[in-house]
Amino acid sequence: MSRKILDDMRDVMRRRHYSIRTERSYCDWVKHFVLHFNMKSRDDLSEGEKREKKD
């Protein structure tokens, strides 16, 4: 999994002054989601949007 995605998430949450516990929780959920679906890049995250548009 790309560390860049989680680093970007952390940067945004810190700029918005989220609590550290919220930051950890959100990052953990995203990490589990990405690992569950074997996603390798941000392109994999946008794959669902492409499928919805085709239908």
PDB file of N, CA and C in Angstrom:
ATOM      1  N   MET A   1       0.843  -1.179   0.000  1.00  0.00           N
ATOM      2  CA  MET A   1       0.000   0.000   0.000  1.00  0.00           C
ATOM      3  C   MET A   1       0.886   1.240   0.000  1.00  0.00           C
ATOM      4  N   SER A   2       0.445   2.218  -0.724  1.00  0.00           N
ATOM      5  CA  SER A   2       1.211   3.450  -0.829  1.00  0.00           C
ATOM      6  C   SER A   2       1.116   4.271   0.457  1.00  0.00           C
ATOM      7  N   ARG A   3       2.244   4.599   0.998  1.00  0.00           N
ATOM      8  CA  ARG A   3       2.273   5.437   2.200  1.00  0.00           C
ATOM      9  C   ARG A   3       1.830   6.852   1.854  1.00  0.00           C
ATOM     10  N   LYS A   4       1.939   7.232   0.603  1.00  0.00           N
ATOM     11  CA  LYS A   4       1.598   8.582   0.180  1.00  0.00           C
ATOM     12  C   LYS A   4       0.129   8.906   0.465  1.00  0.00           C
ATOM     13  N   ILE A   5      -0.750   7.945   0.240  1.00  0.00           N
ATOM     14  CA  ILE A   5      -2.179   8.184   0.477  1.00  0.00           C
ATOM     15  C   ILE A   5      -2.420   8.519   1.942  1.00  0.00           C
ATOM     16  N   LEU A   6      -1.845   7.724   2.838  1.00  0.00           N
ATOM     17  CA  LEU A   6      -2.044   7.969   4.266  1.00  0.00           C
ATOM     18  C   LEU A   6      -1.345   9.262   4.700  1.00  0.00           C
ATOM     19  N   ASP A   7      -0.184   9.541   4.137  1.00  0.00           N
ATOM     20  CA  ASP A   7       0.510  10.795   4.460  1.00  0.00           C
ATOM     21  C   ASP A   7      -0.328  12.003   4.041  1.00  0.00           C
ATOM     22  N   ASP A   8      -0.927  11.918   2.860  1.00  0.00           N
ATOM     23  CA  ASP A   8      -1.788  13.012   2.393  1.00  0.00           C
ATOM     24  C   ASP A   8      -3.005  13.174   3.293  1.00  0.00           C
ATOM     25  N   MET A   9      -3.587  12.044   3.705  1.00  0.00           N
ATOM     26  CA  MET A   9      -4.731  12.104   4.621  1.00  0.00           C
ATOM     27  C   MET A   9      -4.352  12.788   5.930  1.00  0.00           C
ATOM     28  N   ARG A  10      -3.211  12.389   6.474  1.00  0.00           N
ATOM     29  CA  ARG A  10      -2.757  12.982   7.743  1.00  0.00           C
ATOM     30  C   ARG A  10      -2.534  14.489   7.601  1.00  0.00           C
ATOM     31  N   ASP A  11      -1.933  14.891   6.496  1.00  0.00           N
ATOM     32  CA  ASP A  11      -1.693  16.320   6.267  1.00  0.00           C
ATOM     33  C   ASP A  11      -2.999  17.108   6.247  1.00  0.00           C
ATOM     34  N   VAL A  12      -3.983  16.580   5.555  1.00  0.00           N
ATOM     35  CA  VAL A  12      -5.276  17.270   5.473  1.00  0.00           C
ATOM     36  C   VAL A  12      -5.930  17.345   6.849  1.00  0.00           C
ATOM     37  N   MET A  13      -5.920  16.239   7.573  1.00  0.00           N
ATOM     38  CA  MET A  13      -6.564  16.227   8.890  1.00  0.00           C
ATOM     39  C   MET A  13      -5.854  17.151   9.867  1.00  0.00           C
ATOM     40  N   ARG A  14      -4.552  17.255   9.767  1.00  0.00           N
ATOM     41  CA  ARG A  14      -3.808  18.153  10.660  1.00  0.00           C
ATOM     42  C   ARG A  14      -4.095  19.610  10.330  1.00  0.00           C
ATOM     43  N   ARG A  15      -4.223  19.912   9.043  1.00  0.00           N
ATOM     44  CA  ARG A  15      -4.569  21.279   8.652  1.00  0.00           C
ATOM     45  C   ARG A  15      -5.961  21.661   9.138  1.00  0.00           C
ATOM     46  N   ARG A  16      -6.838  20.676   9.227  1.00  0.00           N
ATOM     47  CA  ARG A  16      -8.209  20.918   9.679  1.00  0.00           C
ATOM     48  C   ARG A  16      -8.363  20.744  11.188  1.00  0.00           C
ATOM     49  N   HIS A  17      -7.254  20.492  11.856  1.00  0.00           N
ATOM     50  CA  HIS A  17      -7.199  20.394  13.321  1.00  0.00           C
ATOM     51  C   HIS A  17      -8.031  19.247  13.883  1.00  0.00           C
ATOM     52  N   TYR A  18      -8.022  18.102  13.187  1.00  0.00           N
ATOM     53  CA  TYR A  18      -8.661  16.906  13.723  1.00  0.00           C
ATOM     54  C   TYR A  18      -7.843  16.421  14.910  1.00  0.00           C
ATOM     55  N   SER A  19      -8.495  15.751  15.843  1.00  0.00           N
ATOM     56  CA  SER A  19      -7.757  15.207  16.982  1.00  0.00           C
ATOM     57  C   SER A  19      -6.872  14.057  16.507  1.00  0.00           C
ATOM     58  N   ILE A  20      -5.833  13.784  17.271  1.00  0.00           N
ATOM     59  CA  ILE A  20      -4.901  12.718  16.898  1.00  0.00           C
ATOM     60  C   ILE A  20      -5.596  11.361  16.902  1.00  0.00           C
ATOM     61  N   ARG A  21      -6.536  11.170  17.816  1.00  0.00           N
ATOM     62  CA  ARG A  21      -7.275   9.902  17.856  1.00  0.00           C
ATOM     63  C   ARG A  21      -8.160   9.736  16.620  1.00  0.00           C
ATOM     64  N   THR A  22      -8.773  10.801  16.174  1.00  0.00           N
ATOM     65  CA  THR A  22      -9.583  10.749  14.953  1.00  0.00           C
ATOM     66  C   THR A  22      -8.693  10.433  13.768  1.00  0.00           C
ATOM     67  N   GLU A  23      -7.558  11.093  13.705  1.00  0.00           N
ATOM     68  CA  GLU A  23      -6.598  10.852  12.622  1.00  0.00           C
ATOM     69  C   GLU A  23      -6.186   9.382  12.580  1.00  0.00           C
ATOM     70  N   ARG A  24      -5.830   8.833  13.697  1.00  0.00           N
ATOM     71  CA  ARG A  24      -5.412   7.424  13.753  1.00  0.00           C
ATOM     72  C   ARG A  24      -6.550   6.494  13.342  1.00  0.00           C
ATOM     73  N   SER A  25      -7.737   6.788  13.839  1.00  0.00           N
ATOM     74  CA  SER A  25      -8.887   5.957  13.535  1.00  0.00           C
ATOM     75  C   SER A  25      -9.196   5.971  12.036  1.00  0.00           C
ATOM     76  N   TYR A  26      -9.256   7.142  11.444  1.00  0.00           N
ATOM     77  CA  TYR A  26      -9.549   7.248  10.011  1.00  0.00           C
ATOM     78  C   TYR A  26      -8.472   6.568   9.182  1.00  0.00           C
ATOM     79  N   CYS A  27      -7.221   6.759   9.533  1.00  0.00           N
ATOM     80  CA  CYS A  27      -6.120   6.134   8.787  1.00  0.00           C
ATOM     81  C   CYS A  27      -6.177   4.617   8.912  1.00  0.00           C
ATOM     82  N   ASP A  28      -6.516   4.112  10.090  1.00  0.00           N
ATOM     83  CA  ASP A  28      -6.641   2.668  10.266  1.00  0.00           C
ATOM     84  C   ASP A  28      -7.761   2.103   9.401  1.00  0.00           C
ATOM     85  N   TRP A  29      -8.908   2.795   9.355  1.00  0.00           N
ATOM     86  CA  TRP A  29     -10.015   2.321   8.540  1.00  0.00           C
ATOM     87  C   TRP A  29      -9.647   2.317   7.066  1.00  0.00           C
ATOM     88  N   VAL A  30      -8.978   3.354   6.610  1.00  0.00           N
ATOM     89  CA  VAL A  30      -8.573   3.416   5.203  1.00  0.00           C
ATOM     90  C   VAL A  30      -7.561   2.319   4.901  1.00  0.00           C
ATOM     91  N   LYS A  31      -6.620   2.099   5.813  1.00  0.00           N
ATOM     92  CA  LYS A  31      -5.619   1.053   5.615  1.00  0.00           C
ATOM     93  C   LYS A  31      -6.287  -0.324   5.499  1.00  0.00           C
ATOM     94  N   HIS A  32      -7.252  -0.608   6.377  1.00  0.00           N
ATOM     95  CA  HIS A  32      -7.958  -1.891   6.324  1.00  0.00           C
ATOM     96  C   HIS A  32      -8.759  -2.024   5.029  1.00  0.00           C
ATOM     97  N   PHE A  33      -9.394  -0.949   4.610  1.00  0.00           N
ATOM     98  CA  PHE A  33     -10.173  -0.953   3.371  1.00  0.00           C
ATOM     99  C   PHE A  33      -9.280  -1.256   2.171  1.00  0.00           C
ATOM    100  N   VAL A  34      -8.147  -0.559   2.092  1.00  0.00           N
ATOM    101  CA  VAL A  34      -7.211  -0.730   0.979  1.00  0.00           C
ATOM    102  C   VAL A  34      -6.645  -2.147   0.969  1.00  0.00           C
ATOM    103  N   LEU A  35      -6.262  -2.657   2.124  1.00  0.00           N
ATOM    104  CA  LEU A  35      -5.710  -4.011   2.195  1.00  0.00           C
ATOM    105  C   LEU A  35      -6.764  -5.067   1.867  1.00  0.00           C
ATOM    106  N   HIS A  36      -7.992  -4.845   2.310  1.00  0.00           N
ATOM    107  CA  HIS A  36      -9.070  -5.801   2.053  1.00  0.00           C
ATOM    108  C   HIS A  36      -9.321  -5.970   0.552  1.00  0.00           C
ATOM    109  N   PHE A  37      -9.283  -4.875  -0.186  1.00  0.00           N
ATOM    110  CA  PHE A  37      -9.554  -4.914  -1.618  1.00  0.00           C
ATOM    111  C   PHE A  37      -8.285  -4.987  -2.469  1.00  0.00           C
ATOM    112  N   ASN A  38      -7.136  -5.211  -1.827  1.00  0.00           N
ATOM    113  CA  ASN A  38      -5.852  -5.363  -2.528  1.00  0.00           C
ATOM    114  C   ASN A  38      -5.552  -4.207  -3.467  1.00  0.00           C
ATOM    115  N   MET A  39      -5.813  -3.020  -3.016  1.00  0.00           N
ATOM    116  CA  MET A  39      -5.567  -1.841  -3.842  1.00  0.00           C
ATOM    117  C   MET A  39      -4.098  -1.470  -3.777  1.00  0.00           C
ATOM    118  N   LYS A  40      -3.557  -1.075  -4.909  1.00  0.00           N
ATOM    119  CA  LYS A  40      -2.133  -0.750  -5.007  1.00  0.00           C
ATOM    120  C   LYS A  40      -1.869   0.729  -5.244  1.00  0.00           C
ATOM    121  N   SER A  41      -2.864   1.459  -5.774  1.00  0.00           N
ATOM    122  CA  SER A  41      -2.641   2.866  -6.094  1.00  0.00           C
ATOM    123  C   SER A  41      -3.947   3.644  -5.988  1.00  0.00           C
ATOM    124  N   ARG A  42      -3.858   4.937  -6.161  1.00  0.00           N
ATOM    125  CA  ARG A  42      -5.054   5.780  -6.144  1.00  0.00           C
ATOM    126  C   ARG A  42      -5.982   5.450  -7.302  1.00  0.00           C
ATOM    127  N   ASP A  43      -5.418   4.964  -8.399  1.00  0.00           N
ATOM    128  CA  ASP A  43      -6.245   4.590  -9.543  1.00  0.00           C
ATOM    129  C   ASP A  43      -7.224   3.489  -9.172  1.00  0.00           C
ATOM    130  N   ASP A  44      -6.815   2.601  -8.285  1.00  0.00           N
ATOM    131  CA  ASP A  44      -7.713   1.545  -7.824  1.00  0.00           C
ATOM    132  C   ASP A  44      -8.892   2.125  -7.050  1.00  0.00           C
ATOM    133  N   LEU A  45      -8.690   3.215  -6.366  1.00  0.00           N
ATOM    134  CA  LEU A  45      -9.768   3.843  -5.607  1.00  0.00           C
ATOM    135  C   LEU A  45     -10.807   4.466  -6.535  1.00  0.00           C
ATOM    136  N   SER A  46     -10.376   4.981  -7.668  1.00  0.00           N
ATOM    137  CA  SER A  46     -11.311   5.615  -8.605  1.00  0.00           C
ATOM    138  C   SER A  46     -11.959   4.600  -9.542  1.00  0.00           C
ATOM    139  N   GLU A  47     -11.556   3.343  -9.471  1.00  0.00           N
ATOM    140  CA  GLU A  47     -12.108   2.287 -10.312  1.00  0.00           C
ATOM    141  C   GLU A  47     -13.625   2.175 -10.142  1.00  0.00           C
ATOM    142  N   GLY A  48     -14.129   2.305  -8.932  1.00  0.00           N
ATOM    143  CA  GLY A  48     -15.559   2.213  -8.674  1.00  0.00           C
ATOM    144  C   GLY A  48     -16.344   3.302  -9.375  1.00  0.00           C
ATOM    145  N   GLU A  49     -15.787   4.493  -9.437  1.00  0.00           N
ATOM    146  CA  GLU A  49     -16.454   5.592 -10.120  1.00  0.00           C
ATOM    147  C   GLU A  49     -16.567   5.299 -11.611  1.00  0.00           C
ATOM    148  N   LYS A  50     -15.552   4.693 -12.199  1.00  0.00           N
ATOM    149  CA  LYS A  50     -15.591   4.354 -13.622  1.00  0.00           C
ATOM    150  C   LYS A  50     -16.667   3.333 -13.904  1.00  0.00           C
ATOM    151  N   ARG A  51     -16.827   2.345 -13.019  1.00  0.00           N
ATOM    152  CA  ARG A  51     -17.832   1.305 -13.211  1.00  0.00           C
ATOM    153  C   ARG A  51     -19.240   1.894 -13.129  1.00  0.00           C
ATOM    154  N   GLU A  52     -19.463   2.814 -12.206  1.00  0.00           N
ATOM    155  CA  GLU A  52     -20.785   3.395 -12.042  1.00  0.00           C
ATOM    156  C   GLU A  52     -21.193   4.196 -13.268  1.00  0.00           C
ATOM    157  N   LYS A  53     -20.267   4.885 -13.891  1.00  0.00           N
ATOM    158  CA  LYS A  53     -20.563   5.714 -15.043  1.00  0.00           C
ATOM    159  C   LYS A  53     -20.927   4.875 -16.257  1.00  0.00           C
ATOM    160  N   LYS A  54     -20.332   3.674 -16.376  1.00  0.00           N
ATOM    161  CA  LYS A  54     -20.595   2.811 -17.514  1.00  0.00           C
ATOM    162  C   LYS A  54     -22.002   2.226 -17.482  1.00  0.00           C
ATOM    163  N   ASP A  55     -22.518   1.974 -16.303  1.00  0.00           N
ATOM    164  CA  ASP A  55     -23.837   1.316 -16.171  1.00  0.00           C
ATOM    165  C   ASP A  55     -24.974   2.234 -16.493  1.00  0.00           C
TER     166      ASP A  55
END
